Amino acid sequence: MKFGYQKFVEFDNGYTASVVCNDMSYGSDRGLFEIAILYNDDIVYDTDIAHGVVGFLDFQEVADTLKKIEQLPKR
C-alpha cells in the first residue's frame, strides 16, 4: 500500500462504518473514499444505503452516508 487512510466509525445502533482511501479502494486514484457498512465485523449487504461497498465518494457524500448509517434501525 503506497498510502492509506482507514477510519472505523461506530454507531449506537450496532453498525460500524469503515471509511477507506488507499491504493486498493474504489476512487482512491481521484482522492475519493469508499465505505463499507459492518455489523459484528462483517459487511452488511441488505440495507437501503448499500448492497456492499460504496465507492467514489467525496467528503460530503461520506458525511451523508455516515448520517444514513447512524439512522438505521438496530438489527
PDB file of N, CA and C in Angstrom:
ATOM      1  N   MET A   1       0.849  -1.170   0.000  1.00  0.00           N
ATOM      2  CA  MET A   1       0.000   0.000   0.000  1.00  0.00           C
ATOM      3  C   MET A   1       0.900   1.239   0.000  1.00  0.00           C
ATOM      4  N   LYS A   2       0.754   2.096  -1.002  1.00  0.00           N
ATOM      5  CA  LYS A   2       1.562   3.302  -1.108  1.00  0.00           C
ATOM      6  C   LYS A   2       1.133   4.361  -0.097  1.00  0.00           C
ATOM      7  N   PHE A   3      -0.133   4.516   0.065  1.00  0.00           N
ATOM      8  CA  PHE A   3      -0.682   5.474   1.011  1.00  0.00           C
ATOM      9  C   PHE A   3      -1.993   4.908   1.515  1.00  0.00           C
ATOM     10  N   GLY A   4      -2.495   5.464   2.587  1.00  0.00           N
ATOM     11  CA  GLY A   4      -3.764   4.929   3.026  1.00  0.00           C
ATOM     12  C   GLY A   4      -4.374   5.644   4.197  1.00  0.00           C
ATOM     13  N   TYR A   5      -5.680   5.533   4.247  1.00  0.00           N
ATOM     14  CA  TYR A   5      -6.473   6.081   5.330  1.00  0.00           C
ATOM     15  C   TYR A   5      -7.594   5.092   5.585  1.00  0.00           C
ATOM     16  N   GLN A   6      -7.800   4.761   6.847  1.00  0.00           N
ATOM     17  CA  GLN A   6      -8.965   3.971   7.226  1.00  0.00           C
ATOM     18  C   GLN A   6      -9.417   4.426   8.594  1.00  0.00           C
ATOM     19  N   LYS A   7     -10.691   4.659   8.700  1.00  0.00           N
ATOM     20  CA  LYS A   7     -11.297   5.074   9.958  1.00  0.00           C
ATOM     21  C   LYS A   7     -12.544   4.244  10.176  1.00  0.00           C
ATOM     22  N   PHE A   8     -12.698   3.709  11.381  1.00  0.00           N
ATOM     23  CA  PHE A   8     -13.914   2.998  11.753  1.00  0.00           C
ATOM     24  C   PHE A   8     -14.776   3.938  12.580  1.00  0.00           C
ATOM     25  N   VAL A   9     -16.043   4.053  12.206  1.00  0.00           N
ATOM     26  CA  VAL A   9     -16.992   4.894  12.930  1.00  0.00           C
ATOM     27  C   VAL A   9     -18.074   3.971  13.475  1.00  0.00           C
ATOM     28  N   GLU A  10     -18.181   3.914  14.797  1.00  0.00           N
ATOM     29  CA  GLU A  10     -19.165   3.047  15.444  1.00  0.00           C
ATOM     30  C   GLU A  10     -20.408   3.850  15.819  1.00  0.00           C
ATOM     31  N   PHE A  11     -21.561   3.216  15.652  1.00  0.00           N
ATOM     32  CA  PHE A  11     -22.832   3.877  15.924  1.00  0.00           C
ATOM     33  C   PHE A  11     -23.592   3.141  17.026  1.00  0.00           C
ATOM     34  N   ASP A  12     -24.471   3.864  17.710  1.00  0.00           N
ATOM     35  CA  ASP A  12     -25.259   3.293  18.804  1.00  0.00           C
ATOM     36  C   ASP A  12     -26.201   2.187  18.338  1.00  0.00           C
ATOM     37  N   ASN A  13     -26.535   2.148  17.042  1.00  0.00           N
ATOM     38  CA  ASN A  13     -27.446   1.122  16.526  1.00  0.00           C
ATOM     39  C   ASN A  13     -26.742  -0.204  16.234  1.00  0.00           C
ATOM     40  N   GLY A  14     -25.446  -0.287  16.551  1.00  0.00           N
ATOM     41  CA  GLY A  14     -24.704  -1.530  16.381  1.00  0.00           C
ATOM     42  C   GLY A  14     -23.909  -1.627  15.092  1.00  0.00           C
ATOM     43  N   TYR A  15     -24.129  -0.698  14.182  1.00  0.00           N
ATOM     44  CA  TYR A  15     -23.390  -0.694  12.922  1.00  0.00           C
ATOM     45  C   TYR A  15     -22.047   0.004  13.081  1.00  0.00           C
ATOM     46  N   THR A  16     -21.133  -0.339  12.214  1.00  0.00           N
ATOM     47  CA  THR A  16     -19.847   0.340  12.106  1.00  0.00           C
ATOM     48  C   THR A  16     -19.633   0.668  10.638  1.00  0.00           C
ATOM     49  N   ALA A  17     -19.085   1.828  10.382  1.00  0.00           N
ATOM     50  CA  ALA A  17     -18.718   2.198   9.018  1.00  0.00           C
ATOM     51  C   ALA A  17     -17.202   2.149   8.905  1.00  0.00           C
ATOM     52  N   SER A  18     -16.714   1.534   7.858  1.00  0.00           N
ATOM     53  CA  SER A  18     -15.300   1.538   7.533  1.00  0.00           C
ATOM     54  C   SER A  18     -15.117   2.503   6.375  1.00  0.00           C
ATOM     55  N   VAL A  19     -14.442   3.620   6.644  1.00  0.00           N
ATOM     56  CA  VAL A  19     -14.189   4.635   5.620  1.00  0.00           C
ATOM     57  C   VAL A  19     -12.741   4.486   5.192  1.00  0.00           C
ATOM     58  N   VAL A  20     -12.525   4.263   3.892  1.00  0.00           N
ATOM     59  CA  VAL A  20     -11.195   3.919   3.397  1.00  0.00           C
ATOM     60  C   VAL A  20     -10.838   4.760   2.178  1.00  0.00           C
ATOM     61  N   CYS A  21      -9.587   5.143   2.118  1.00  0.00           N
ATOM     62  CA  CYS A  21      -8.987   5.682   0.897  1.00  0.00           C
ATOM     63  C   CYS A  21      -7.560   5.163   0.863  1.00  0.00           C
ATOM     64  N   ASN A  22      -7.311   4.200  -0.006  1.00  0.00           N
ATOM     65  CA  ASN A  22      -5.954   3.682  -0.180  1.00  0.00           C
ATOM     66  C   ASN A  22      -5.794   3.219  -1.621  1.00  0.00           C
ATOM     67  N   ASP A  23      -4.643   2.744  -1.960  1.00  0.00           N
ATOM     68  CA  ASP A  23      -4.393   2.405  -3.361  1.00  0.00           C
ATOM     69  C   ASP A  23      -5.207   1.210  -3.850  1.00  0.00           C
ATOM     70  N   MET A  24      -5.984   0.585  -2.986  1.00  0.00           N
ATOM     71  CA  MET A  24      -6.831  -0.539  -3.372  1.00  0.00           C
ATOM     72  C   MET A  24      -8.324  -0.188  -3.355  1.00  0.00           C
ATOM     73  N   SER A  25      -8.690   1.011  -2.884  1.00  0.00           N
ATOM     74  CA  SER A  25     -10.104   1.357  -2.719  1.00  0.00           C
ATOM     75  C   SER A  25     -10.667   2.036  -3.969  1.00  0.00           C
ATOM     76  N   TYR A  26     -11.992   1.918  -4.111  1.00  0.00           N
ATOM     77  CA  TYR A  26     -12.688   2.498  -5.255  1.00  0.00           C
ATOM     78  C   TYR A  26     -12.630   4.020  -5.206  1.00  0.00           C
ATOM     79  N   GLY A  27     -11.975   4.630  -6.180  1.00  0.00           N
ATOM     80  CA  GLY A  27     -11.910   6.075  -6.278  1.00  0.00           C
ATOM     81  C   GLY A  27     -10.666   6.702  -5.687  1.00  0.00           C
ATOM     82  N   SER A  28      -9.804   5.907  -5.105  1.00  0.00           N
ATOM     83  CA  SER A  28      -8.622   6.467  -4.448  1.00  0.00           C
ATOM     84  C   SER A  28      -7.720   7.213  -5.421  1.00  0.00           C
ATOM     85  N   ASP A  29      -7.697   6.791  -6.672  1.00  0.00           N
ATOM     86  CA  ASP A  29      -6.856   7.471  -7.656  1.00  0.00           C
ATOM     87  C   ASP A  29      -7.335   8.898  -7.923  1.00  0.00           C
ATOM     88  N   ARG A  30      -8.543   9.207  -7.461  1.00  0.00           N
ATOM     89  CA  ARG A  30      -9.107  10.558  -7.581  1.00  0.00           C
ATOM     90  C   ARG A  30      -9.210  11.250  -6.222  1.00  0.00           C
ATOM     91  N   GLY A  31      -8.642  10.622  -5.186  1.00  0.00           N
ATOM     92  CA  GLY A  31      -8.722  11.185  -3.843  1.00  0.00           C
ATOM     93  C   GLY A  31     -10.073  10.981  -3.189  1.00  0.00           C
ATOM     94  N   LEU A  32     -10.820   9.992  -3.673  1.00  0.00           N
ATOM     95  CA  LEU A  32     -12.156   9.715  -3.148  1.00  0.00           C
ATOM     96  C   LEU A  32     -12.124   8.531  -2.182  1.00  0.00           C
ATOM     97  N   PHE A  33     -13.224   8.308  -1.501  1.00  0.00           N
ATOM     98  CA  PHE A  33     -13.315   7.313  -0.442  1.00  0.00           C
ATOM     99  C   PHE A  33     -14.295   6.205  -0.784  1.00  0.00           C
ATOM    100  N   GLU A  34     -14.189   5.107  -0.033  1.00  0.00           N
ATOM    101  CA  GLU A  34     -15.205   4.061  -0.076  1.00  0.00           C
ATOM    102  C   GLU A  34     -15.645   3.771   1.343  1.00  0.00           C
ATOM    103  N   ILE A  35     -16.883   3.317   1.468  1.00  0.00           N
ATOM    104  CA  ILE A  35     -17.451   2.968   2.773  1.00  0.00           C
ATOM    105  C   ILE A  35     -18.021   1.563   2.698  1.00  0.00           C
ATOM    106  N   ALA A  36     -17.739   0.792   3.729  1.00  0.00           N
ATOM    107  CA  ALA A  36     -18.394  -0.497   3.927  1.00  0.00           C
ATOM    108  C   ALA A  36     -19.186  -0.395   5.227  1.00  0.00           C
ATOM    109  N   ILE A  37     -20.407  -0.895   5.199  1.00  0.00           N
ATOM    110  CA  ILE A  37     -21.236  -0.941   6.405  1.00  0.00           C
ATOM    111  C   ILE A  37     -21.017  -2.299   7.041  1.00  0.00           C
ATOM    112  N   LEU A  38     -20.651  -2.280   8.312  1.00  0.00           N
ATOM    113  CA  LEU A  38     -20.324  -3.508   9.035  1.00  0.00           C
ATOM    114  C   LEU A  38     -21.278  -3.716  10.198  1.00  0.00           C
ATOM    115  N   TYR A  39     -21.480  -4.981  10.517  1.00  0.00           N
ATOM    116  CA  TYR A  39     -22.187  -5.375  11.730  1.00  0.00           C
ATOM    117  C   TYR A  39     -21.481  -6.626  12.240  1.00  0.00           C
ATOM    118  N   ASN A  40     -21.030  -6.593  13.470  1.00  0.00           N
ATOM    119  CA  ASN A  40     -20.231  -7.692  14.029  1.00  0.00           C
ATOM    120  C   ASN A  40     -19.041  -8.029  13.123  1.00  0.00           C
ATOM    121  N   ASP A  41     -18.400  -6.994  12.615  1.00  0.00           N
ATOM    122  CA  ASP A  41     -17.194  -7.114  11.778  1.00  0.00           C
ATOM    123  C   ASP A  41     -17.432  -7.750  10.409  1.00  0.00           C
ATOM    124  N   ASP A  42     -18.680  -7.944  10.012  1.00  0.00           N
ATOM    125  CA  ASP A  42     -18.998  -8.476   8.690  1.00  0.00           C
ATOM    126  C   ASP A  42     -19.659  -7.395   7.850  1.00  0.00           C
ATOM    127  N   ILE A  43     -19.355  -7.384   6.557  1.00  0.00           N
ATOM    128  CA  ILE A  43     -20.004  -6.427   5.673  1.00  0.00           C
ATOM    129  C   ILE A  43     -21.488  -6.762   5.558  1.00  0.00           C
ATOM    130  N   VAL A  44     -22.313  -5.726   5.644  1.00  0.00           N
ATOM    131  CA  VAL A  44     -23.759  -5.858   5.543  1.00  0.00           C
ATOM    132  C   VAL A  44     -24.161  -5.577   4.095  1.00  0.00           C
ATOM    133  N   TYR A  45     -24.955  -6.468   3.530  1.00  0.00           N
ATOM    134  CA  TYR A  45     -25.346  -6.353   2.125  1.00  0.00           C
ATOM    135  C   TYR A  45     -26.822  -6.044   1.925  1.00  0.00           C
ATOM    136  N   ASP A  46     -27.569  -5.843   3.021  1.00  0.00           N
ATOM    137  CA  ASP A  46     -29.026  -5.742   2.885  1.00  0.00           C
ATOM    138  C   ASP A  46     -29.621  -4.453   3.441  1.00  0.00           C
ATOM    139  N   THR A  47     -28.945  -3.329   3.232  1.00  0.00           N
ATOM    140  CA  THR A  47     -29.534  -2.052   3.642  1.00  0.00           C
ATOM    141  C   THR A  47     -29.971  -1.288   2.404  1.00  0.00           C
ATOM    142  N   ASP A  48     -30.804  -0.272   2.617  1.00  0.00           N
ATOM    143  CA  ASP A  48     -31.204   0.600   1.513  1.00  0.00           C
ATOM    144  C   ASP A  48     -30.062   1.525   1.100  1.00  0.00           C
ATOM    145  N   ILE A  49     -29.055   1.634   1.946  1.00  0.00           N
ATOM    146  CA  ILE A  49     -27.921   2.518   1.678  1.00  0.00           C
ATOM    147  C   ILE A  49     -26.956   1.880   0.691  1.00  0.00           C
ATOM    148  N   ALA A  50     -26.668   0.609   0.912  1.00  0.00           N
ATOM    149  CA  ALA A  50     -25.674  -0.064   0.078  1.00  0.00           C
ATOM    150  C   ALA A  50     -25.906  -1.568   0.091  1.00  0.00           C
ATOM    151  N   HIS A  51     -25.472  -2.188  -0.961  1.00  0.00           N
ATOM    152  CA  HIS A  51     -25.503  -3.648  -1.073  1.00  0.00           C
ATOM    153  C   HIS A  51     -24.068  -4.135  -1.217  1.00  0.00           C
ATOM    154  N   GLY A  52     -23.226  -3.687  -0.287  1.00  0.00           N
ATOM    155  CA  GLY A  52     -21.800  -3.974  -0.316  1.00  0.00           C
ATOM    156  C   GLY A  52     -21.032  -2.688  -0.106  1.00  0.00           C
ATOM    157  N   VAL A  53     -19.878  -2.612  -0.686  1.00  0.00           N
ATOM    158  CA  VAL A  53     -19.024  -1.438  -0.550  1.00  0.00           C
ATOM    159  C   VAL A  53     -19.497  -0.347  -1.507  1.00  0.00           C
ATOM    160  N   VAL A  54     -19.514   0.899  -1.014  1.00  0.00           N
ATOM    161  CA  VAL A  54     -19.857   2.049  -1.832  1.00  0.00           C
ATOM    162  C   VAL A  54     -18.581   2.847  -2.062  1.00  0.00           C
ATOM    163  N   GLY A  55     -18.239   3.056  -3.312  1.00  0.00           N
ATOM    164  CA  GLY A  55     -17.006   3.760  -3.622  1.00  0.00           C
ATOM    165  C   GLY A  55     -17.230   5.082  -4.319  1.00  0.00           C
ATOM    166  N   PHE A  56     -16.123   5.747  -4.606  1.00  0.00           N
ATOM    167  CA  PHE A  56     -16.107   7.008  -5.351  1.00  0.00           C
ATOM    168  C   PHE A  56     -16.882   8.107  -4.636  1.00  0.00           C
ATOM    169  N   LEU A  57     -16.704   8.215  -3.311  1.00  0.00           N
ATOM    170  CA  LEU A  57     -17.413   9.203  -2.501  1.00  0.00           C
ATOM    171  C   LEU A  57     -16.499  10.374  -2.162  1.00  0.00           C
ATOM    172  N   ASP A  58     -17.031  11.601  -2.298  1.00  0.00           N
ATOM    173  CA  ASP A  58     -16.285  12.767  -1.839  1.00  0.00           C
ATOM    174  C   ASP A  58     -16.613  12.995  -0.352  1.00  0.00           C
ATOM    175  N   PHE A  59     -16.032  14.042   0.232  1.00  0.00           N
ATOM    176  CA  PHE A  59     -16.233  14.288   1.660  1.00  0.00           C
ATOM    177  C   PHE A  59     -17.700  14.437   2.023  1.00  0.00           C
ATOM    178  N   GLN A  60     -18.452  15.196   1.230  1.00  0.00           N
ATOM    179  CA  GLN A  60     -19.867  15.410   1.536  1.00  0.00           C
ATOM    180  C   GLN A  60     -20.652  14.109   1.438  1.00  0.00           C
ATOM    181  N   GLU A  61     -20.353  13.308   0.441  1.00  0.00           N
ATOM    182  CA  GLU A  61     -21.048  12.023   0.289  1.00  0.00           C
ATOM    183  C   GLU A  61     -20.702  11.070   1.430  1.00  0.00           C
ATOM    184  N   VAL A  62     -19.469  11.128   1.927  1.00  0.00           N
ATOM    185  CA  VAL A  62     -19.099  10.332   3.104  1.00  0.00           C
ATOM    186  C   VAL A  62     -19.926  10.777   4.298  1.00  0.00           C
ATOM    187  N   ALA A  63     -19.993  12.089   4.529  1.00  0.00           N
ATOM    188  CA  ALA A  63     -20.765  12.616   5.661  1.00  0.00           C
ATOM    189  C   ALA A  63     -22.241  12.228   5.545  1.00  0.00           C
ATOM    190  N   ASP A  64     -22.802  12.342   4.341  1.00  0.00           N
ATOM    191  CA  ASP A  64     -24.211  11.989   4.134  1.00  0.00           C
ATOM    192  C   ASP A  64     -24.452  10.498   4.380  1.00  0.00           C
ATOM    193  N   THR A  65     -23.531   9.665   3.918  1.00  0.00           N
ATOM    194  CA  THR A  65     -23.674   8.217   4.097  1.00  0.00           C
ATOM    195  C   THR A  65     -23.548   7.841   5.566  1.00  0.00           C
ATOM    196  N   LEU A  66     -22.620   8.465   6.282  1.00  0.00           N
ATOM    197  CA  LEU A  66     -22.478   8.187   7.714  1.00  0.00           C
ATOM    198  C   LEU A  66     -23.751   8.550   8.461  1.00  0.00           C
ATOM    199  N   LYS A  67     -24.375   9.654   8.098  1.00  0.00           N
ATOM    200  CA  LYS A  67     -25.631  10.065   8.737  1.00  0.00           C
ATOM    201  C   LYS A  67     -26.725   9.033   8.484  1.00  0.00           C
ATOM    202  N   LYS A  68     -26.784   8.502   7.256  1.00  0.00           N
ATOM    203  CA  LYS A  68     -27.781   7.473   6.931  1.00  0.00           C
ATOM    204  C   LYS A  68     -27.539   6.195   7.725  1.00  0.00           C
ATOM    205  N   ILE A  69     -26.284   5.816   7.885  1.00  0.00           N
ATOM    206  CA  ILE A  69     -25.960   4.622   8.677  1.00  0.00           C
ATOM    207  C   ILE A  69     -26.367   4.820  10.125  1.00  0.00           C
ATOM    208  N   GLU A  70     -26.106   6.004  10.643  1.00  0.00           N
ATOM    209  CA  GLU A  70     -26.476   6.324  12.030  1.00  0.00           C
ATOM    210  C   GLU A  70     -27.974   6.197  12.248  1.00  0.00           C
ATOM    211  N   GLN A  71     -28.771   6.462  11.220  1.00  0.00           N
ATOM    212  CA  GLN A  71     -30.223   6.450  11.332  1.00  0.00           C
ATOM    213  C   GLN A  71     -30.843   5.081  11.069  1.00  0.00           C
ATOM    214  N   LEU A  72     -30.042   4.091  10.706  1.00  0.00           N
ATOM    215  CA  LEU A  72     -30.577   2.743  10.504  1.00  0.00           C
ATOM    216  C   LEU A  72     -31.126   2.199  11.822  1.00  0.00           C
ATOM    217  N   PRO A  73     -32.202   1.428  11.752  1.00  0.00           N
ATOM    218  CA  PRO A  73     -32.713   0.804  12.983  1.00  0.00           C
ATOM    219  C   PRO A  73     -31.733  -0.267  13.476  1.00  0.00           C
ATOM    220  N   LYS A  74     -31.774  -0.510  14.775  1.00  0.00           N
ATOM    221  CA  LYS A  74     -30.932  -1.567  15.327  1.00  0.00           C
ATOM    222  C   LYS A  74     -31.278  -2.893  14.685  1.00  0.00           C
ATOM    223  N   ARG A  75     -30.289  -3.735  14.508  1.00  0.00           N
ATOM    224  CA  ARG A  75     -30.503  -5.060  13.915  1.00  0.00           C
ATOM    225  C   ARG A  75     -31.067  -5.992  14.949  1.00  0.00           C
TER     226      ARG A  75
END
